[in-house]
Amino acid sequence: FHAQVGPRVRTSEALKIASSLFYDGIDRFDASEYEAALTCFEQALSINQKYLDKSSSGCILCCNNIAAVHDRLGNLEQAMLFYERAQQGLCSGSVPKDERGLVSRRRRAELLKHVQHKLEMIPRSDEPKVGSGVRTSSLRP
């Protein structure tokens, strides 16, 4: 991956590589190859962060998918960190110019709802867990 994206690579070429890695990650995730998917998404994010604003959909989608992999692997703290990074990017006041159109705004709003739902579903370590000797009556509404 580092050999492909050296210091003399044009932005457009680097982003093509990031996109290819991203879609390879999706294929691997769908094939339940979670470690390989994680590697692809992390590499895509690394490239995107070098060339794009952190509030760009390229970075946000990588963070969301990294979170999804960690969620599947049971790494809930890591999942929460990456969902929060995606949420921060989506809530950022600085939206890239090419993502300010109506369709892009709708996609970002839908993704924000998705990320917020995922964050709500991750149990916090300080919350009591039903089934671990905790009665449902002792949980706060």
N, C-alpha and C. Protein backbone atom coordinates (compact mmCIF):
# COMPACT_ATOMS: atom_id res chain seq x y z
N PHE A 1 0.83 -1.19 0.00
CA PHE A 1 0.00 0.00 0.00
C PHE A 1 0.86 1.25 0.00
N HIS A 2 1.92 1.29 0.81
CA HIS A 2 2.78 2.47 0.82
C HIS A 2 3.52 2.64 -0.49
N ALA A 3 3.83 1.54 -1.14
CA ALA A 3 4.51 1.62 -2.43
C ALA A 3 3.58 2.24 -3.47
N GLN A 4 2.29 2.01 -3.34
CA GLN A 4 1.32 2.55 -4.29
C GLN A 4 1.11 4.05 -4.10
N VAL A 5 1.17 4.51 -2.88
CA VAL A 5 0.89 5.91 -2.59
C VAL A 5 2.14 6.56 -2.02
N GLY A 6 3.00 6.96 -2.90
CA GLY A 6 4.23 7.62 -2.49
C GLY A 6 4.04 9.12 -2.49
N PRO A 7 5.11 9.86 -2.19
CA PRO A 7 5.00 11.31 -2.09
C PRO A 7 4.72 12.00 -3.42
N ARG A 8 4.95 11.31 -4.54
CA ARG A 8 4.80 11.95 -5.85
C ARG A 8 3.50 11.57 -6.55
N VAL A 9 2.61 10.91 -5.85
CA VAL A 9 1.35 10.48 -6.44
C VAL A 9 0.38 11.66 -6.45
N ARG A 10 -0.34 11.82 -7.57
CA ARG A 10 -1.34 12.88 -7.66
C ARG A 10 -2.53 12.55 -6.78
N THR A 11 -3.21 13.59 -6.35
CA THR A 11 -4.37 13.43 -5.48
C THR A 11 -5.41 12.49 -6.10
N SER A 12 -5.71 12.69 -7.36
CA SER A 12 -6.75 11.87 -8.01
C SER A 12 -6.35 10.40 -8.03
N GLU A 13 -5.09 10.11 -8.26
CA GLU A 13 -4.62 8.72 -8.26
C GLU A 13 -4.69 8.12 -6.86
N ALA A 14 -4.29 8.89 -5.87
CA ALA A 14 -4.34 8.41 -4.49
C ALA A 14 -5.78 8.11 -4.08
N LEU A 15 -6.71 8.99 -4.46
CA LEU A 15 -8.11 8.78 -4.09
C LEU A 15 -8.72 7.59 -4.83
N LYS A 16 -8.24 7.30 -6.02
CA LYS A 16 -8.68 6.10 -6.73
C LYS A 16 -8.23 4.85 -5.98
N ILE A 17 -7.01 4.88 -5.47
CA ILE A 17 -6.49 3.75 -4.69
C ILE A 17 -7.32 3.59 -3.41
N ALA A 18 -7.61 4.72 -2.75
CA ALA A 18 -8.42 4.67 -1.53
C ALA A 18 -9.80 4.10 -1.82
N SER A 19 -10.40 4.51 -2.92
CA SER A 19 -11.71 4.01 -3.30
C SER A 19 -11.67 2.51 -3.57
N SER A 20 -10.64 2.07 -4.25
CA SER A 20 -10.48 0.64 -4.53
C SER A 20 -10.33 -0.16 -3.24
N LEU A 21 -9.54 0.35 -2.32
CA LEU A 21 -9.38 -0.31 -1.01
C LEU A 21 -10.70 -0.35 -0.25
N PHE A 22 -11.44 0.76 -0.32
CA PHE A 22 -12.72 0.85 0.37
C PHE A 22 -13.68 -0.22 -0.15
N TYR A 23 -13.82 -0.32 -1.46
CA TYR A 23 -14.75 -1.29 -2.03
C TYR A 23 -14.27 -2.72 -1.83
N ASP A 24 -12.97 -2.92 -1.81
CA ASP A 24 -12.43 -4.24 -1.47
C ASP A 24 -12.80 -4.59 -0.03
N GLY A 25 -12.74 -3.59 0.86
CA GLY A 25 -13.14 -3.79 2.25
C GLY A 25 -14.59 -4.19 2.37
N ILE A 26 -15.45 -3.57 1.58
CA ILE A 26 -16.87 -3.94 1.60
C ILE A 26 -17.06 -5.39 1.16
N ASP A 27 -16.37 -5.77 0.10
CA ASP A 27 -16.45 -7.16 -0.37
C ASP A 27 -15.99 -8.14 0.71
N ARG A 28 -14.90 -7.80 1.37
CA ARG A 28 -14.37 -8.68 2.42
C ARG A 28 -15.29 -8.72 3.63
N PHE A 29 -15.88 -7.58 3.98
CA PHE A 29 -16.84 -7.54 5.08
C PHE A 29 -18.04 -8.44 4.75
N ASP A 30 -18.55 -8.32 3.53
CA ASP A 30 -19.69 -9.14 3.12
C ASP A 30 -19.36 -10.62 3.11
N ALA A 31 -18.06 -10.94 2.93
CA ALA A 31 -17.61 -12.34 2.94
C ALA A 31 -17.23 -12.79 4.35
N SER A 32 -17.52 -11.97 5.35
CA SER A 32 -17.19 -12.25 6.76
C SER A 32 -15.69 -12.36 7.00
N GLU A 33 -14.89 -11.72 6.17
CA GLU A 33 -13.44 -11.65 6.35
C GLU A 33 -13.13 -10.32 7.05
N TYR A 34 -13.47 -10.27 8.33
CA TYR A 34 -13.47 -8.99 9.04
C TYR A 34 -12.08 -8.39 9.23
N GLU A 35 -11.09 -9.19 9.52
CA GLU A 35 -9.74 -8.65 9.70
C GLU A 35 -9.23 -8.05 8.40
N ALA A 36 -9.47 -8.74 7.28
CA ALA A 36 -9.04 -8.22 5.98
C ALA A 36 -9.82 -6.95 5.63
N ALA A 37 -11.10 -6.92 5.95
CA ALA A 37 -11.92 -5.73 5.71
C ALA A 37 -11.39 -4.56 6.52
N LEU A 38 -11.06 -4.83 7.77
CA LEU A 38 -10.53 -3.77 8.64
C LEU A 38 -9.26 -3.17 8.05
N THR A 39 -8.37 -4.01 7.57
CA THR A 39 -7.13 -3.54 6.97
C THR A 39 -7.42 -2.64 5.77
N CYS A 40 -8.33 -3.07 4.91
CA CYS A 40 -8.69 -2.27 3.73
C CYS A 40 -9.26 -0.91 4.13
N PHE A 41 -10.20 -0.90 5.07
CA PHE A 41 -10.82 0.35 5.49
C PHE A 41 -9.81 1.28 6.17
N GLU A 42 -8.92 0.72 6.97
CA GLU A 42 -7.89 1.54 7.63
C GLU A 42 -6.95 2.15 6.61
N GLN A 43 -6.57 1.40 5.60
CA GLN A 43 -5.69 1.92 4.56
C GLN A 43 -6.39 3.00 3.75
N ALA A 44 -7.65 2.78 3.42
CA ALA A 44 -8.42 3.78 2.69
C ALA A 44 -8.54 5.06 3.51
N LEU A 45 -8.80 4.92 4.81
CA LEU A 45 -8.91 6.09 5.68
C LEU A 45 -7.59 6.84 5.75
N SER A 46 -6.50 6.11 5.84
CA SER A 46 -5.19 6.74 5.90
C SER A 46 -4.93 7.61 4.67
N ILE A 47 -5.27 7.10 3.51
CA ILE A 47 -5.09 7.87 2.27
C ILE A 47 -6.06 9.05 2.25
N ASN A 48 -7.33 8.80 2.55
CA ASN A 48 -8.32 9.88 2.51
C ASN A 48 -7.97 11.02 3.46
N GLN A 49 -7.46 10.69 4.64
CA GLN A 49 -7.10 11.73 5.60
C GLN A 49 -5.96 12.60 5.09
N LYS A 50 -5.14 12.04 4.25
CA LYS A 50 -4.01 12.79 3.70
C LYS A 50 -4.47 13.80 2.65
N TYR A 51 -5.53 13.45 1.92
CA TYR A 51 -5.95 14.27 0.79
C TYR A 51 -7.31 14.96 0.95
N LEU A 52 -8.11 14.54 1.93
CA LEU A 52 -9.45 15.09 2.10
C LEU A 52 -9.64 15.68 3.49
N ASP A 53 -10.63 16.53 3.61
CA ASP A 53 -11.01 17.07 4.91
C ASP A 53 -11.65 15.95 5.73
N LYS A 54 -11.49 16.01 7.04
CA LYS A 54 -12.05 14.95 7.89
C LYS A 54 -13.57 14.91 7.88
N SER A 55 -14.21 15.98 7.39
CA SER A 55 -15.67 16.00 7.29
C SER A 55 -16.16 15.51 5.92
N SER A 56 -15.24 15.04 5.08
CA SER A 56 -15.63 14.54 3.77
C SER A 56 -16.28 13.16 3.91
N SER A 57 -17.14 12.84 2.97
CA SER A 57 -17.80 11.54 3.03
C SER A 57 -16.80 10.40 2.91
N GLY A 58 -15.70 10.61 2.20
CA GLY A 58 -14.67 9.57 2.09
C GLY A 58 -14.11 9.17 3.45
N CYS A 59 -13.81 10.14 4.28
CA CYS A 59 -13.30 9.85 5.63
C CYS A 59 -14.41 9.31 6.54
N ILE A 60 -15.57 9.92 6.45
CA ILE A 60 -16.68 9.52 7.32
C ILE A 60 -17.11 8.08 7.05
N LEU A 61 -17.22 7.71 5.78
CA LEU A 61 -17.63 6.35 5.45
C LEU A 61 -16.59 5.33 5.89
N CYS A 62 -15.32 5.68 5.78
CA CYS A 62 -14.28 4.77 6.27
C CYS A 62 -14.42 4.58 7.78
N CYS A 63 -14.61 5.68 8.51
CA CYS A 63 -14.78 5.58 9.97
C CYS A 63 -15.99 4.73 10.32
N ASN A 64 -17.09 4.95 9.60
CA ASN A 64 -18.31 4.16 9.85
C ASN A 64 -18.04 2.68 9.62
N ASN A 65 -17.35 2.35 8.54
CA ASN A 65 -17.12 0.94 8.23
C ASN A 65 -16.09 0.31 9.16
N ILE A 66 -15.10 1.06 9.58
CA ILE A 66 -14.15 0.56 10.58
C ILE A 66 -14.91 0.26 11.87
N ALA A 67 -15.82 1.15 12.23
CA ALA A 67 -16.65 0.93 13.43
C ALA A 67 -17.50 -0.33 13.28
N ALA A 68 -18.07 -0.52 12.10
CA ALA A 68 -18.91 -1.70 11.87
C ALA A 68 -18.10 -2.99 12.01
N VAL A 69 -16.87 -2.99 11.52
CA VAL A 69 -16.01 -4.18 11.66
C VAL A 69 -15.72 -4.44 13.13
N HIS A 70 -15.33 -3.39 13.84
CA HIS A 70 -15.04 -3.56 15.28
C HIS A 70 -16.28 -4.04 16.02
N ASP A 71 -17.44 -3.52 15.63
CA ASP A 71 -18.70 -3.95 16.23
C ASP A 71 -18.89 -5.45 16.02
N ARG A 72 -18.69 -5.92 14.80
CA ARG A 72 -18.83 -7.35 14.50
C ARG A 72 -17.82 -8.20 15.27
N LEU A 73 -16.62 -7.67 15.45
CA LEU A 73 -15.58 -8.41 16.15
C LEU A 73 -15.74 -8.35 17.67
N GLY A 74 -16.68 -7.54 18.14
CA GLY A 74 -16.90 -7.41 19.58
C GLY A 74 -16.00 -6.40 20.25
N ASN A 75 -15.28 -5.61 19.47
CA ASN A 75 -14.42 -4.55 20.00
C ASN A 75 -15.26 -3.28 20.15
N LEU A 76 -16.11 -3.28 21.16
CA LEU A 76 -17.12 -2.22 21.27
C LEU A 76 -16.52 -0.85 21.56
N GLU A 77 -15.45 -0.79 22.32
CA GLU A 77 -14.83 0.51 22.58
C GLU A 77 -14.28 1.12 21.31
N GLN A 78 -13.62 0.30 20.49
CA GLN A 78 -13.10 0.78 19.21
C GLN A 78 -14.25 1.17 18.28
N ALA A 79 -15.30 0.36 18.27
CA ALA A 79 -16.47 0.68 17.44
C ALA A 79 -17.04 2.03 17.84
N MET A 80 -17.17 2.26 19.13
CA MET A 80 -17.72 3.51 19.62
C MET A 80 -16.82 4.69 19.20
N LEU A 81 -15.51 4.53 19.32
CA LEU A 81 -14.59 5.61 18.93
C LEU A 81 -14.76 5.99 17.47
N PHE A 82 -14.86 5.00 16.59
CA PHE A 82 -14.98 5.30 15.17
C PHE A 82 -16.37 5.79 14.79
N TYR A 83 -17.41 5.29 15.45
CA TYR A 83 -18.74 5.86 15.21
C TYR A 83 -18.77 7.32 15.66
N GLU A 84 -18.11 7.62 16.77
CA GLU A 84 -18.06 9.01 17.24
C GLU A 84 -17.28 9.89 16.27
N ARG A 85 -16.20 9.37 15.69
CA ARG A 85 -15.46 10.14 14.69
C ARG A 85 -16.33 10.42 13.47
N ALA A 86 -17.10 9.42 13.05
CA ALA A 86 -18.01 9.61 11.92
C ALA A 86 -19.05 10.67 12.27
N GLN A 87 -19.60 10.59 13.47
CA GLN A 87 -20.60 11.54 13.92
C GLN A 87 -20.03 12.96 13.95
N GLN A 88 -18.82 13.11 14.45
CA GLN A 88 -18.20 14.44 14.49
C GLN A 88 -18.03 15.01 13.09
N GLY A 89 -17.60 14.17 12.16
CA GLY A 89 -17.46 14.63 10.78
C GLY A 89 -18.78 15.03 10.16
N LEU A 90 -19.82 14.27 10.46
CA LEU A 90 -21.15 14.58 9.92
C LEU A 90 -21.76 15.83 10.54
N CYS A 91 -21.39 16.12 11.78
CA CYS A 91 -21.93 17.29 12.47
C CYS A 91 -21.06 18.53 12.30
N SER A 92 -19.96 18.37 11.62
CA SER A 92 -19.03 19.47 11.42
C SER A 92 -19.69 20.60 10.63
N GLY A 93 -19.35 21.80 11.00
CA GLY A 93 -19.88 22.97 10.28
C GLY A 93 -19.25 23.14 8.91
N SER A 94 -18.09 22.53 8.70
CA SER A 94 -17.40 22.68 7.42
C SER A 94 -17.63 21.45 6.54
N VAL A 95 -18.62 21.56 5.68
CA VAL A 95 -18.94 20.48 4.74
C VAL A 95 -18.21 20.80 3.43
N PRO A 96 -17.51 19.81 2.87
CA PRO A 96 -16.81 20.07 1.60
C PRO A 96 -17.77 20.62 0.54
N LYS A 97 -17.26 21.51 -0.32
CA LYS A 97 -18.09 22.19 -1.32
C LYS A 97 -18.84 21.21 -2.21
N ASP A 98 -18.20 20.10 -2.58
CA ASP A 98 -18.84 19.16 -3.49
C ASP A 98 -19.86 18.26 -2.79
N GLU A 99 -20.09 18.49 -1.48
CA GLU A 99 -21.07 17.71 -0.74
C GLU A 99 -22.17 18.59 -0.16
N ARG A 100 -22.38 19.75 -0.74
CA ARG A 100 -23.38 20.68 -0.22
C ARG A 100 -24.70 20.63 -0.97
N GLY A 101 -24.79 19.84 -2.00
CA GLY A 101 -26.03 19.72 -2.77
C GLY A 101 -27.09 18.97 -1.99
N LEU A 102 -28.32 19.02 -2.50
CA LEU A 102 -29.46 18.40 -1.83
C LEU A 102 -29.27 16.90 -1.62
N VAL A 103 -28.84 16.20 -2.65
CA VAL A 103 -28.67 14.74 -2.55
C VAL A 103 -27.60 14.41 -1.52
N SER A 104 -26.48 15.13 -1.55
CA SER A 104 -25.40 14.88 -0.59
C SER A 104 -25.85 15.19 0.83
N ARG A 105 -26.60 16.26 1.00
CA ARG A 105 -27.08 16.60 2.34
C ARG A 105 -28.02 15.53 2.87
N ARG A 106 -28.86 14.99 2.00
CA ARG A 106 -29.77 13.90 2.43
C ARG A 106 -28.99 12.66 2.80
N ARG A 107 -27.98 12.32 2.01
CA ARG A 107 -27.16 11.15 2.33
C ARG A 107 -26.45 11.33 3.67
N ARG A 108 -25.93 12.53 3.89
CA ARG A 108 -25.24 12.79 5.16
C ARG A 108 -26.22 12.71 6.33
N ALA A 109 -27.43 13.21 6.14
CA ALA A 109 -28.43 13.16 7.21
C ALA A 109 -28.81 11.71 7.52
N GLU A 110 -28.98 10.89 6.49
CA GLU A 110 -29.30 9.48 6.69
C GLU A 110 -28.15 8.75 7.39
N LEU A 111 -26.94 9.05 6.97
CA LEU A 111 -25.79 8.42 7.61
C LEU A 111 -25.67 8.86 9.07
N LEU A 112 -25.96 10.10 9.35
CA LEU A 112 -25.92 10.58 10.73
C LEU A 112 -26.94 9.83 11.59
N LYS A 113 -28.14 9.62 11.07
CA LYS A 113 -29.15 8.84 11.80
C LYS A 113 -28.64 7.43 12.08
N HIS A 114 -28.04 6.83 11.07
CA HIS A 114 -27.49 5.48 11.20
C HIS A 114 -26.41 5.43 12.28
N VAL A 115 -25.48 6.38 12.23
CA VAL A 115 -24.38 6.41 13.20
C VAL A 115 -24.91 6.64 14.61
N GLN A 116 -25.85 7.56 14.75
CA GLN A 116 -26.42 7.82 16.07
C GLN A 116 -27.14 6.59 16.61
N HIS A 117 -27.85 5.87 15.75
CA HIS A 117 -28.52 4.64 16.17
C HIS A 117 -27.49 3.61 16.63
N LYS A 118 -26.42 3.45 15.87
CA LYS A 118 -25.38 2.50 16.25
C LYS A 118 -24.76 2.87 17.59
N LEU A 119 -24.51 4.15 17.81
CA LEU A 119 -23.95 4.59 19.09
C LEU A 119 -24.91 4.30 20.24
N GLU A 120 -26.19 4.47 20.01
CA GLU A 120 -27.18 4.18 21.05
C GLU A 120 -27.22 2.69 21.38
N MET A 121 -26.93 1.84 20.41
CA MET A 121 -27.02 0.40 20.59
C MET A 121 -25.81 -0.20 21.31
N ILE A 122 -24.69 0.53 21.35
CA ILE A 122 -23.50 0.00 22.01
C ILE A 122 -23.65 0.18 23.51
N PRO A 123 -23.60 -0.93 24.27
CA PRO A 123 -23.72 -0.80 25.73
C PRO A 123 -22.51 -0.09 26.31
N ARG A 124 -22.77 0.77 27.25
CA ARG A 124 -21.68 1.47 27.95
C ARG A 124 -21.18 0.57 29.07
N SER A 125 -19.91 0.63 29.36
CA SER A 125 -19.31 -0.27 30.34
C SER A 125 -19.86 -0.04 31.75
N ASP A 126 -20.37 1.18 32.02
CA ASP A 126 -20.88 1.44 33.36
C ASP A 126 -22.36 1.08 33.50
N GLU A 127 -22.99 0.65 32.41
CA GLU A 127 -24.39 0.25 32.48
C GLU A 127 -24.50 -1.19 32.95
N PRO A 128 -25.45 -1.48 33.84
CA PRO A 128 -25.64 -2.87 34.25
C PRO A 128 -26.16 -3.70 33.09
N LYS A 129 -25.75 -4.93 33.01
CA LYS A 129 -26.15 -5.83 31.93
C LYS A 129 -27.16 -6.83 32.46
N VAL A 130 -28.34 -6.87 31.84
CA VAL A 130 -29.35 -7.85 32.20
C VAL A 130 -28.81 -9.22 31.85
N GLY A 131 -29.01 -10.17 32.72
CA GLY A 131 -28.50 -11.52 32.47
C GLY A 131 -27.20 -11.78 33.21
N SER A 132 -26.61 -10.75 33.75
CA SER A 132 -25.38 -10.90 34.51
C SER A 132 -25.68 -10.70 36.00
N GLY A 133 -26.81 -11.23 36.43
CA GLY A 133 -27.19 -11.06 37.83
C GLY A 133 -27.87 -9.75 38.10
N VAL A 134 -28.24 -9.02 37.05
CA VAL A 134 -28.90 -7.73 37.21
C VAL A 134 -30.36 -7.91 36.80
N ARG A 135 -31.25 -7.50 37.65
CA ARG A 135 -32.68 -7.58 37.34
C ARG A 135 -33.10 -6.39 36.48
N THR A 136 -34.06 -6.64 35.61
CA THR A 136 -34.54 -5.57 34.74
C THR A 136 -35.14 -4.43 35.55
N SER A 137 -35.67 -4.70 36.70
CA SER A 137 -36.27 -3.66 37.53
C SER A 137 -35.23 -2.67 38.06
N SER A 138 -33.96 -3.06 38.08
CA SER A 138 -32.92 -2.16 38.59
C SER A 138 -32.34 -1.25 37.50
N LEU A 139 -32.78 -1.45 36.25
CA LEU A 139 -32.28 -0.61 35.16
C LEU A 139 -33.04 0.70 35.11
N ARG A 140 -32.35 1.74 34.76
CA ARG A 140 -32.98 3.05 34.63
C ARG A 140 -33.68 3.13 33.27
N PRO A 141 -34.84 3.78 33.22
CA PRO A 141 -35.56 3.93 31.93
C PRO A 141 -34.84 4.88 31.01
